Amino acid sequence: MKRIRLAAAAVNQTPLAWDDNCRNILAAIEQAREAEATVVCLPELCISGYGCEDAFHSTDMQHEVLAVLDAIIPATRGLIVSIGLPLLHKSALFDAACLAVDGRIAGFVAKRHLAGEGLHYEPRWFKAWPRGVRDEIRIGGESYPIGDLVFDVGGLNIGFEICEDAWVAKRPGGDMVFEGVDVIL
């Protein structure tokens, strides 16, 4: 496995504040670059903000999310960056992470386990992605992998656990050991 420097970014996002959220993400990526990070892990739903509630299903949500993603991708040149976003696929909304590698989208991983207790109402807004399922999604005329994925980035195998995924008894990371994953974001 090659040596990496991982930056875990904390950004102060506001639900639906597209321009501010984009600026915060770009600033975090630049700060990670200055710290000579090779991998940058941004928070769950950082593009939209976590607390959008029923606005996750608004008609403009995907347009705004994809516009911000499009603005962020060029800033990932020379880096590996995970970016949290709500993603519409086949009429279902998923809590997802985009993996961007060197200024290009490598694919999307969708959250498998949704938080639905206490203050969390994720099943109201999102669908859980089924274990082991992989598909294709078209964005901006391009096709990308989506689902339960492991990415090989120059010999570094990257897997994902999105928040609640890491808190359940049968967490996805337990299966990733058999897929040769080097790092879980």
N, C-alpha and C. Protein backbone atom coordinates (compact mmCIF):
# COMPACT_ATOMS: atom_id res chain seq x y z
N MET A 1 0.85 -1.18 0.00
CA MET A 1 0.00 0.00 0.00
C MET A 1 0.89 1.24 0.00
N LYS A 2 0.53 2.21 -0.81
CA LYS A 2 1.31 3.44 -0.83
C LYS A 2 0.97 4.31 0.37
N ARG A 3 1.90 5.16 0.73
CA ARG A 3 1.72 6.05 1.87
C ARG A 3 0.76 7.19 1.48
N ILE A 4 -0.16 7.51 2.39
CA ILE A 4 -1.11 8.60 2.15
C ILE A 4 -1.10 9.55 3.34
N ARG A 5 -1.55 10.75 3.09
CA ARG A 5 -1.82 11.72 4.16
C ARG A 5 -3.29 12.06 4.03
N LEU A 6 -4.06 11.72 5.06
CA LEU A 6 -5.51 11.89 5.04
C LEU A 6 -5.92 13.14 5.80
N ALA A 7 -6.73 13.96 5.18
CA ALA A 7 -7.30 15.14 5.83
C ALA A 7 -8.79 14.90 6.03
N ALA A 8 -9.24 14.96 7.28
CA ALA A 8 -10.66 14.87 7.60
C ALA A 8 -11.15 16.30 7.81
N ALA A 9 -11.98 16.78 6.92
CA ALA A 9 -12.42 18.17 6.96
C ALA A 9 -13.68 18.34 7.80
N ALA A 10 -13.72 19.42 8.57
CA ALA A 10 -14.92 19.83 9.29
C ALA A 10 -15.34 21.17 8.70
N VAL A 11 -16.53 21.20 8.12
CA VAL A 11 -17.02 22.43 7.51
C VAL A 11 -18.34 22.82 8.18
N ASN A 12 -18.55 24.11 8.33
CA ASN A 12 -19.76 24.63 8.97
C ASN A 12 -20.81 24.90 7.89
N GLN A 13 -21.59 23.87 7.56
CA GLN A 13 -22.55 23.98 6.47
C GLN A 13 -23.93 24.39 6.99
N THR A 14 -24.65 25.10 6.13
CA THR A 14 -26.01 25.54 6.42
C THR A 14 -26.93 24.89 5.38
N PRO A 15 -28.03 24.26 5.81
CA PRO A 15 -28.92 23.64 4.84
C PRO A 15 -29.35 24.61 3.75
N LEU A 16 -29.17 24.17 2.51
CA LEU A 16 -29.61 24.87 1.31
C LEU A 16 -28.85 26.17 1.01
N ALA A 17 -27.77 26.44 1.71
CA ALA A 17 -26.95 27.63 1.45
C ALA A 17 -25.88 27.25 0.43
N TRP A 18 -26.31 27.11 -0.81
CA TRP A 18 -25.48 26.51 -1.86
C TRP A 18 -24.14 27.22 -2.05
N ASP A 19 -24.16 28.53 -2.19
CA ASP A 19 -22.92 29.27 -2.43
C ASP A 19 -21.97 29.19 -1.24
N ASP A 20 -22.50 29.40 -0.04
CA ASP A 20 -21.65 29.33 1.16
C ASP A 20 -21.09 27.93 1.36
N ASN A 21 -21.94 26.93 1.18
CA ASN A 21 -21.48 25.55 1.35
C ASN A 21 -20.38 25.21 0.34
N CYS A 22 -20.56 25.66 -0.89
CA CYS A 22 -19.54 25.42 -1.92
C CYS A 22 -18.23 26.10 -1.54
N ARG A 23 -18.30 27.35 -1.10
CA ARG A 23 -17.08 28.07 -0.68
C ARG A 23 -16.38 27.35 0.47
N ASN A 24 -17.16 26.87 1.44
CA ASN A 24 -16.58 26.16 2.58
C ASN A 24 -15.87 24.88 2.14
N ILE A 25 -16.48 24.16 1.23
CA ILE A 25 -15.88 22.92 0.72
C ILE A 25 -14.60 23.23 -0.04
N LEU A 26 -14.64 24.22 -0.92
CA LEU A 26 -13.45 24.59 -1.69
C LEU A 26 -12.32 25.05 -0.77
N ALA A 27 -12.66 25.80 0.29
CA ALA A 27 -11.65 26.25 1.25
C ALA A 27 -11.04 25.06 1.99
N ALA A 28 -11.87 24.08 2.35
CA ALA A 28 -11.36 22.89 3.05
C ALA A 28 -10.43 22.08 2.14
N ILE A 29 -10.79 21.96 0.87
CA ILE A 29 -9.94 21.24 -0.08
C ILE A 29 -8.60 21.98 -0.23
N GLU A 30 -8.65 23.29 -0.33
CA GLU A 30 -7.40 24.06 -0.47
C GLU A 30 -6.54 23.96 0.78
N GLN A 31 -7.17 23.99 1.94
CA GLN A 31 -6.42 23.85 3.19
C GLN A 31 -5.77 22.46 3.27
N ALA A 32 -6.47 21.44 2.84
CA ALA A 32 -5.91 20.09 2.82
C ALA A 32 -4.74 20.01 1.84
N ARG A 33 -4.89 20.66 0.70
CA ARG A 33 -3.81 20.68 -0.30
C ARG A 33 -2.55 21.35 0.30
N GLU A 34 -2.75 22.48 0.99
CA GLU A 34 -1.63 23.18 1.61
C GLU A 34 -0.95 22.34 2.69
N ALA A 35 -1.72 21.46 3.34
CA ALA A 35 -1.17 20.56 4.35
C ALA A 35 -0.57 19.30 3.73
N GLU A 36 -0.53 19.27 2.39
CA GLU A 36 0.03 18.17 1.62
C GLU A 36 -0.72 16.85 1.81
N ALA A 37 -2.04 16.96 2.01
CA ALA A 37 -2.88 15.77 2.07
C ALA A 37 -2.97 15.15 0.68
N THR A 38 -3.16 13.85 0.64
CA THR A 38 -3.40 13.16 -0.63
C THR A 38 -4.86 12.73 -0.73
N VAL A 39 -5.49 12.51 0.43
CA VAL A 39 -6.89 12.10 0.49
C VAL A 39 -7.62 13.09 1.41
N VAL A 40 -8.78 13.58 0.94
CA VAL A 40 -9.58 14.52 1.72
C VAL A 40 -10.96 13.91 1.93
N CYS A 41 -11.38 13.80 3.17
CA CYS A 41 -12.69 13.25 3.50
C CYS A 41 -13.58 14.38 4.01
N LEU A 42 -14.56 14.76 3.21
CA LEU A 42 -15.53 15.79 3.58
C LEU A 42 -16.75 15.12 4.23
N PRO A 43 -17.53 15.86 5.02
CA PRO A 43 -18.63 15.26 5.77
C PRO A 43 -19.81 14.77 4.92
N GLU A 44 -20.58 13.94 5.56
CA GLU A 44 -21.86 13.47 5.03
C GLU A 44 -22.72 14.67 4.66
N LEU A 45 -23.31 14.62 3.48
CA LEU A 45 -24.25 15.64 2.99
C LEU A 45 -23.69 17.06 3.06
N CYS A 46 -22.38 17.20 2.86
CA CYS A 46 -21.77 18.53 2.99
C CYS A 46 -22.22 19.50 1.90
N ILE A 47 -22.61 19.02 0.75
CA ILE A 47 -23.05 19.94 -0.31
C ILE A 47 -24.36 20.62 0.07
N SER A 48 -25.32 19.85 0.52
CA SER A 48 -26.65 20.40 0.84
C SER A 48 -26.76 20.88 2.28
N GLY A 49 -25.93 20.35 3.17
CA GLY A 49 -26.14 20.49 4.60
C GLY A 49 -26.99 19.32 5.06
N TYR A 50 -26.77 18.86 6.29
CA TYR A 50 -27.47 17.67 6.77
C TYR A 50 -28.95 17.93 7.06
N GLY A 51 -29.28 19.10 7.58
CA GLY A 51 -30.62 19.34 8.11
C GLY A 51 -31.64 19.89 7.14
N CYS A 52 -31.63 19.45 5.91
CA CYS A 52 -32.60 19.96 4.92
C CYS A 52 -34.01 19.45 5.14
N GLU A 53 -34.15 18.37 5.88
CA GLU A 53 -35.43 17.75 6.19
C GLU A 53 -36.25 17.51 4.92
N ASP A 54 -37.51 17.93 4.88
CA ASP A 54 -38.36 17.64 3.73
C ASP A 54 -37.90 18.36 2.46
N ALA A 55 -37.07 19.37 2.60
CA ALA A 55 -36.54 20.07 1.42
C ALA A 55 -35.63 19.16 0.59
N PHE A 56 -35.19 18.03 1.17
CA PHE A 56 -34.42 17.07 0.37
C PHE A 56 -35.22 16.65 -0.86
N HIS A 57 -36.54 16.68 -0.77
CA HIS A 57 -37.39 16.26 -1.88
C HIS A 57 -37.92 17.42 -2.72
N SER A 58 -37.35 18.61 -2.55
CA SER A 58 -37.79 19.75 -3.36
C SER A 58 -37.37 19.55 -4.81
N THR A 59 -38.09 20.19 -5.70
CA THR A 59 -37.85 19.98 -7.13
C THR A 59 -36.50 20.51 -7.59
N ASP A 60 -35.96 21.52 -6.93
CA ASP A 60 -34.68 22.09 -7.35
C ASP A 60 -33.47 21.44 -6.69
N MET A 61 -33.69 20.56 -5.71
CA MET A 61 -32.59 20.01 -4.92
C MET A 61 -31.49 19.41 -5.80
N GLN A 62 -31.83 18.48 -6.69
CA GLN A 62 -30.79 17.81 -7.48
C GLN A 62 -30.06 18.77 -8.41
N HIS A 63 -30.79 19.71 -8.98
CA HIS A 63 -30.15 20.71 -9.85
C HIS A 63 -29.09 21.47 -9.06
N GLU A 64 -29.43 21.94 -7.87
CA GLU A 64 -28.49 22.71 -7.04
C GLU A 64 -27.32 21.85 -6.58
N VAL A 65 -27.61 20.63 -6.13
CA VAL A 65 -26.56 19.72 -5.67
C VAL A 65 -25.55 19.45 -6.78
N LEU A 66 -26.05 19.13 -7.97
CA LEU A 66 -25.15 18.80 -9.08
C LEU A 66 -24.39 20.02 -9.58
N ALA A 67 -24.97 21.20 -9.47
CA ALA A 67 -24.25 22.43 -9.85
C ALA A 67 -23.08 22.67 -8.90
N VAL A 68 -23.30 22.47 -7.60
CA VAL A 68 -22.21 22.63 -6.63
C VAL A 68 -21.16 21.55 -6.85
N LEU A 69 -21.59 20.31 -7.07
CA LEU A 69 -20.62 19.24 -7.32
C LEU A 69 -19.77 19.57 -8.54
N ASP A 70 -20.40 20.08 -9.58
CA ASP A 70 -19.68 20.45 -10.80
C ASP A 70 -18.64 21.54 -10.52
N ALA A 71 -18.94 22.45 -9.61
CA ALA A 71 -17.99 23.51 -9.25
C ALA A 71 -16.83 22.98 -8.40
N ILE A 72 -17.07 21.92 -7.65
CA ILE A 72 -16.05 21.37 -6.75
C ILE A 72 -15.07 20.46 -7.48
N ILE A 73 -15.55 19.66 -8.42
CA ILE A 73 -14.72 18.63 -9.05
C ILE A 73 -13.39 19.16 -9.58
N PRO A 74 -13.33 20.29 -10.30
CA PRO A 74 -12.03 20.76 -10.79
C PRO A 74 -11.02 21.04 -9.67
N ALA A 75 -11.50 21.40 -8.49
CA ALA A 75 -10.62 21.70 -7.35
C ALA A 75 -9.98 20.45 -6.77
N THR A 76 -10.41 19.27 -7.23
CA THR A 76 -9.86 18.02 -6.70
C THR A 76 -8.64 17.54 -7.49
N ARG A 77 -8.18 18.32 -8.46
CA ARG A 77 -7.00 17.91 -9.24
C ARG A 77 -5.82 17.65 -8.30
N GLY A 78 -5.17 16.52 -8.51
CA GLY A 78 -4.03 16.15 -7.70
C GLY A 78 -4.38 15.53 -6.36
N LEU A 79 -5.67 15.33 -6.11
CA LEU A 79 -6.14 14.80 -4.82
C LEU A 79 -7.16 13.68 -5.03
N ILE A 80 -7.44 12.99 -3.94
CA ILE A 80 -8.56 12.05 -3.84
C ILE A 80 -9.50 12.67 -2.81
N VAL A 81 -10.75 12.95 -3.20
CA VAL A 81 -11.66 13.68 -2.31
C VAL A 81 -13.02 12.98 -2.27
N SER A 82 -13.53 12.74 -1.05
CA SER A 82 -14.90 12.25 -0.91
C SER A 82 -15.79 13.43 -0.53
N ILE A 83 -16.95 13.50 -1.17
CA ILE A 83 -17.86 14.64 -1.04
C ILE A 83 -19.26 14.11 -0.76
N GLY A 84 -19.85 14.47 0.38
CA GLY A 84 -21.18 13.99 0.73
C GLY A 84 -22.28 14.78 0.06
N LEU A 85 -23.30 14.06 -0.45
CA LEU A 85 -24.39 14.72 -1.17
C LEU A 85 -25.63 13.84 -1.21
N PRO A 86 -26.82 14.47 -1.30
CA PRO A 86 -28.02 13.70 -1.59
C PRO A 86 -28.04 13.44 -3.10
N LEU A 87 -28.35 12.21 -3.49
CA LEU A 87 -28.27 11.86 -4.91
C LEU A 87 -29.51 11.10 -5.35
N LEU A 88 -30.16 11.63 -6.37
CA LEU A 88 -31.36 11.00 -6.93
C LEU A 88 -30.96 9.98 -7.98
N HIS A 89 -31.43 8.74 -7.79
CA HIS A 89 -31.12 7.67 -8.74
C HIS A 89 -32.36 6.80 -8.89
N LYS A 90 -32.85 6.69 -10.12
CA LYS A 90 -34.02 5.87 -10.43
C LYS A 90 -35.19 6.19 -9.49
N SER A 91 -35.51 7.46 -9.36
CA SER A 91 -36.65 7.97 -8.58
C SER A 91 -36.51 7.78 -7.08
N ALA A 92 -35.34 7.40 -6.59
CA ALA A 92 -35.11 7.27 -5.15
C ALA A 92 -33.96 8.19 -4.76
N LEU A 93 -34.08 8.75 -3.56
CA LEU A 93 -33.04 9.65 -3.07
C LEU A 93 -32.13 8.89 -2.12
N PHE A 94 -30.82 9.02 -2.33
CA PHE A 94 -29.83 8.34 -1.51
C PHE A 94 -28.90 9.34 -0.84
N ASP A 95 -28.50 9.03 0.37
CA ASP A 95 -27.45 9.75 1.07
C ASP A 95 -26.16 9.13 0.55
N ALA A 96 -25.38 9.90 -0.18
CA ALA A 96 -24.25 9.32 -0.92
C ALA A 96 -22.96 10.10 -0.71
N ALA A 97 -21.89 9.49 -1.16
CA ALA A 97 -20.58 10.15 -1.22
C ALA A 97 -20.06 10.00 -2.64
N CYS A 98 -19.57 11.10 -3.17
CA CYS A 98 -18.91 11.09 -4.48
C CYS A 98 -17.42 10.95 -4.23
N LEU A 99 -16.77 10.05 -4.93
CA LEU A 99 -15.31 9.99 -4.87
C LEU A 99 -14.78 10.67 -6.12
N ALA A 100 -14.05 11.76 -5.90
CA ALA A 100 -13.41 12.49 -6.99
C ALA A 100 -11.91 12.21 -6.94
N VAL A 101 -11.35 11.91 -8.09
CA VAL A 101 -9.92 11.59 -8.18
C VAL A 101 -9.31 12.45 -9.27
N ASP A 102 -8.40 13.30 -8.87
CA ASP A 102 -7.63 14.11 -9.81
C ASP A 102 -8.52 14.88 -10.79
N GLY A 103 -9.55 15.53 -10.24
CA GLY A 103 -10.40 16.38 -11.07
C GLY A 103 -11.48 15.67 -11.85
N ARG A 104 -11.74 14.41 -11.52
CA ARG A 104 -12.78 13.64 -12.22
C ARG A 104 -13.59 12.83 -11.21
N ILE A 105 -14.84 12.59 -11.53
CA ILE A 105 -15.68 11.74 -10.69
C ILE A 105 -15.33 10.28 -10.96
N ALA A 106 -14.99 9.55 -9.88
CA ALA A 106 -14.72 8.11 -10.01
C ALA A 106 -16.00 7.30 -9.81
N GLY A 107 -16.92 7.81 -9.00
CA GLY A 107 -18.17 7.10 -8.75
C GLY A 107 -18.82 7.58 -7.46
N PHE A 108 -19.90 6.89 -7.09
CA PHE A 108 -20.70 7.27 -5.94
C PHE A 108 -20.99 6.04 -5.08
N VAL A 109 -20.87 6.20 -3.78
CA VAL A 109 -21.25 5.16 -2.84
C VAL A 109 -22.48 5.66 -2.09
N ALA A 110 -23.49 4.81 -1.97
CA ALA A 110 -24.71 5.19 -1.27
C ALA A 110 -24.76 4.52 0.10
N LYS A 111 -25.27 5.24 1.06
CA LYS A 111 -25.36 4.79 2.45
C LYS A 111 -26.26 3.56 2.54
N ARG A 112 -25.80 2.56 3.28
CA ARG A 112 -26.56 1.31 3.42
C ARG A 112 -27.47 1.29 4.64
N HIS A 113 -27.10 1.99 5.70
CA HIS A 113 -27.86 1.95 6.95
C HIS A 113 -28.27 3.38 7.32
N LEU A 114 -29.57 3.59 7.45
CA LEU A 114 -30.09 4.93 7.73
C LEU A 114 -30.41 5.08 9.22
N ALA A 115 -30.10 6.24 9.76
CA ALA A 115 -30.40 6.54 11.16
C ALA A 115 -31.87 6.94 11.27
N GLY A 116 -32.60 6.23 12.12
CA GLY A 116 -34.03 6.49 12.23
C GLY A 116 -34.52 6.55 13.66
N GLU A 117 -33.62 6.81 14.60
CA GLU A 117 -34.03 6.87 16.00
C GLU A 117 -33.67 8.22 16.60
N GLY A 118 -34.38 8.60 17.65
CA GLY A 118 -34.08 9.86 18.33
C GLY A 118 -34.32 11.05 17.42
N LEU A 119 -33.28 11.83 17.19
CA LEU A 119 -33.39 13.04 16.38
C LEU A 119 -33.28 12.77 14.89
N HIS A 120 -33.02 11.55 14.52
CA HIS A 120 -32.73 11.23 13.12
C HIS A 120 -33.95 10.63 12.42
N TYR A 121 -34.24 11.16 11.22
CA TYR A 121 -35.39 10.71 10.43
C TYR A 121 -34.97 10.35 9.01
N GLU A 122 -33.77 9.85 8.85
CA GLU A 122 -33.25 9.59 7.50
C GLU A 122 -34.15 8.72 6.64
N PRO A 123 -34.82 7.68 7.19
CA PRO A 123 -35.69 6.88 6.32
C PRO A 123 -36.86 7.67 5.72
N ARG A 124 -37.17 8.81 6.30
CA ARG A 124 -38.23 9.66 5.74
C ARG A 124 -37.78 10.27 4.41
N TRP A 125 -36.48 10.54 4.28
CA TRP A 125 -35.97 11.25 3.11
C TRP A 125 -35.18 10.37 2.15
N PHE A 126 -34.53 9.36 2.69
CA PHE A 126 -33.61 8.57 1.87
C PHE A 126 -34.00 7.10 1.83
N LYS A 127 -33.50 6.44 0.82
CA LYS A 127 -33.63 4.99 0.70
C LYS A 127 -32.26 4.39 1.02
N ALA A 128 -32.25 3.27 1.73
CA ALA A 128 -31.00 2.57 2.04
C ALA A 128 -30.56 1.79 0.80
N TRP A 129 -29.26 1.82 0.53
CA TRP A 129 -28.73 1.08 -0.62
C TRP A 129 -28.52 -0.38 -0.20
N PRO A 130 -28.94 -1.34 -1.02
CA PRO A 130 -28.78 -2.75 -0.66
C PRO A 130 -27.32 -3.23 -0.77
N ARG A 131 -26.94 -4.09 0.14
CA ARG A 131 -25.60 -4.65 0.19
C ARG A 131 -25.26 -5.36 -1.12
N GLY A 132 -24.06 -5.09 -1.62
CA GLY A 132 -23.54 -5.79 -2.78
C GLY A 132 -24.08 -5.33 -4.13
N VAL A 133 -24.98 -4.37 -4.15
CA VAL A 133 -25.59 -3.94 -5.41
C VAL A 133 -24.78 -2.79 -6.02
N ARG A 134 -24.52 -2.93 -7.31
CA ARG A 134 -23.82 -1.90 -8.07
C ARG A 134 -24.65 -1.56 -9.29
N ASP A 135 -24.61 -0.29 -9.68
CA ASP A 135 -25.40 0.17 -10.81
C ASP A 135 -24.62 1.29 -11.51
N GLU A 136 -25.25 1.89 -12.49
CA GLU A 136 -24.67 3.04 -13.20
C GLU A 136 -25.63 4.21 -13.07
N ILE A 137 -25.09 5.42 -12.97
CA ILE A 137 -25.88 6.64 -12.92
C ILE A 137 -25.34 7.59 -13.97
N ARG A 138 -26.26 8.27 -14.67
CA ARG A 138 -25.84 9.24 -15.69
C ARG A 138 -25.99 10.65 -15.12
N ILE A 139 -24.89 11.39 -15.20
CA ILE A 139 -24.87 12.78 -14.74
C ILE A 139 -24.12 13.59 -15.78
N GLY A 140 -24.77 14.63 -16.28
CA GLY A 140 -24.11 15.50 -17.26
C GLY A 140 -23.62 14.78 -18.49
N GLY A 141 -24.37 13.78 -18.94
CA GLY A 141 -24.00 13.05 -20.15
C GLY A 141 -22.95 11.97 -19.94
N GLU A 142 -22.47 11.81 -18.71
CA GLU A 142 -21.47 10.78 -18.39
C GLU A 142 -22.10 9.70 -17.53
N SER A 143 -21.56 8.50 -17.62
CA SER A 143 -22.03 7.38 -16.81
C SER A 143 -20.99 7.07 -15.74
N TYR A 144 -21.47 6.87 -14.49
CA TYR A 144 -20.58 6.59 -13.36
C TYR A 144 -21.12 5.40 -12.57
N PRO A 145 -20.23 4.65 -11.91
CA PRO A 145 -20.71 3.59 -11.03
C PRO A 145 -21.32 4.19 -9.76
N ILE A 146 -22.34 3.52 -9.25
CA ILE A 146 -22.98 3.90 -8.00
C ILE A 146 -23.31 2.64 -7.23
N GLY A 147 -23.25 2.72 -5.91
CA GLY A 147 -23.68 1.59 -5.10
C GLY A 147 -22.73 1.23 -4.00
N ASP A 148 -22.64 -0.06 -3.77
CA ASP A 148 -21.78 -0.63 -2.74
C ASP A 148 -20.44 -0.92 -3.41
N LEU A 149 -19.54 0.07 -3.41
CA LEU A 149 -18.33 0.01 -4.23
C LEU A 149 -17.06 0.09 -3.40
N VAL A 150 -16.00 -0.45 -3.97
CA VAL A 150 -14.63 -0.24 -3.50
C VAL A 150 -13.88 0.32 -4.70
N PHE A 151 -13.11 1.37 -4.47
CA PHE A 151 -12.37 2.03 -5.54
C PHE A 151 -10.89 1.69 -5.45
N ASP A 152 -10.29 1.30 -6.56
CA ASP A 152 -8.84 1.12 -6.65
C ASP A 152 -8.28 2.39 -7.28
N VAL A 153 -7.60 3.18 -6.47
CA VAL A 153 -7.03 4.44 -6.94
C VAL A 153 -5.51 4.31 -6.88
N GLY A 154 -4.92 3.93 -8.00
CA GLY A 154 -3.47 3.79 -8.06
C GLY A 154 -2.91 2.79 -7.06
N GLY A 155 -3.63 1.72 -6.82
CA GLY A 155 -3.19 0.69 -5.89
C GLY A 155 -3.67 0.90 -4.46
N LEU A 156 -4.35 2.00 -4.19
CA LEU A 156 -4.96 2.26 -2.89
C LEU A 156 -6.43 1.90 -2.98
N ASN A 157 -6.85 0.89 -2.22
CA ASN A 157 -8.25 0.45 -2.24
C ASN A 157 -9.04 1.21 -1.18
N ILE A 158 -10.06 1.94 -1.65
CA ILE A 158 -10.84 2.82 -0.79
C ILE A 158 -12.27 2.32 -0.68
N GLY A 159 -12.74 2.17 0.56
CA GLY A 159 -14.12 1.81 0.84
C GLY A 159 -14.79 2.92 1.62
N PHE A 160 -16.10 2.80 1.80
CA PHE A 160 -16.86 3.85 2.48
C PHE A 160 -17.79 3.27 3.54
N GLU A 161 -17.90 3.99 4.63
CA GLU A 161 -18.97 3.83 5.60
C GLU A 161 -19.48 5.25 5.86
N ILE A 162 -20.74 5.48 5.58
CA ILE A 162 -21.32 6.81 5.77
C ILE A 162 -22.09 6.82 7.08
N CYS A 163 -21.56 7.51 8.04
CA CYS A 163 -22.12 7.70 9.38
C CYS A 163 -22.72 6.43 9.99
N GLU A 164 -24.03 6.26 9.92
CA GLU A 164 -24.70 5.13 10.57
C GLU A 164 -24.14 3.79 10.12
N ASP A 165 -23.59 3.73 8.91
CA ASP A 165 -22.97 2.49 8.44
C ASP A 165 -21.91 2.00 9.42
N ALA A 166 -21.22 2.93 10.08
CA ALA A 166 -20.14 2.57 11.00
C ALA A 166 -20.64 2.23 12.40
N TRP A 167 -21.93 2.43 12.66
CA TRP A 167 -22.46 2.23 14.01
C TRP A 167 -23.28 0.95 14.17
N VAL A 168 -23.59 0.28 13.08
CA VAL A 168 -24.42 -0.92 13.16
C VAL A 168 -23.54 -2.14 13.45
N ALA A 169 -24.15 -3.19 13.98
CA ALA A 169 -23.39 -4.39 14.34
C ALA A 169 -22.73 -5.03 13.12
N LYS A 170 -23.45 -5.15 12.02
CA LYS A 170 -22.90 -5.75 10.80
C LYS A 170 -22.53 -4.62 9.84
N ARG A 171 -21.50 -3.90 10.21
CA ARG A 171 -21.10 -2.73 9.43
C ARG A 171 -20.41 -3.13 8.12
N PRO A 172 -20.53 -2.29 7.10
CA PRO A 172 -19.92 -2.60 5.80
C PRO A 172 -18.42 -2.86 5.87
N GLY A 173 -17.72 -2.19 6.78
CA GLY A 173 -16.27 -2.38 6.89
C GLY A 173 -15.87 -3.82 7.17
N GLY A 174 -16.74 -4.58 7.83
CA GLY A 174 -16.46 -5.99 8.10
C GLY A 174 -16.31 -6.80 6.83
N ASP A 175 -17.09 -6.45 5.81
CA ASP A 175 -16.99 -7.14 4.52
C ASP A 175 -15.81 -6.62 3.70
N MET A 176 -15.45 -5.37 3.92
CA MET A 176 -14.40 -4.76 3.11
C MET A 176 -13.03 -5.38 3.33
N VAL A 177 -12.82 -5.97 4.48
CA VAL A 177 -11.53 -6.62 4.73
C VAL A 177 -11.27 -7.72 3.71
N PHE A 178 -12.33 -8.37 3.26
CA PHE A 178 -12.20 -9.44 2.27
C PHE A 178 -12.03 -8.91 0.85
N GLU A 179 -12.28 -7.61 0.68
CA GLU A 179 -12.11 -6.97 -0.63
C GLU A 179 -10.78 -6.23 -0.72
N GLY A 180 -9.95 -6.37 0.31
CA GLY A 180 -8.62 -5.76 0.29
C GLY A 180 -8.61 -4.26 0.47
N VAL A 181 -9.60 -3.73 1.17
CA VAL A 181 -9.66 -2.28 1.37
C VAL A 181 -8.53 -1.82 2.29
N ASP A 182 -7.86 -0.75 1.87
CA ASP A 182 -6.76 -0.18 2.65
C ASP A 182 -7.24 0.90 3.61
N VAL A 183 -8.23 1.67 3.19
CA VAL A 183 -8.73 2.77 4.01
C VAL A 183 -10.24 2.90 3.80
N ILE A 184 -10.95 3.16 4.90
CA ILE A 184 -12.40 3.38 4.85
C ILE A 184 -12.65 4.84 5.16
N LEU A 185 -13.32 5.52 4.24
CA LEU A 185 -13.67 6.93 4.44
C LEU A 185 -15.10 7.03 4.95
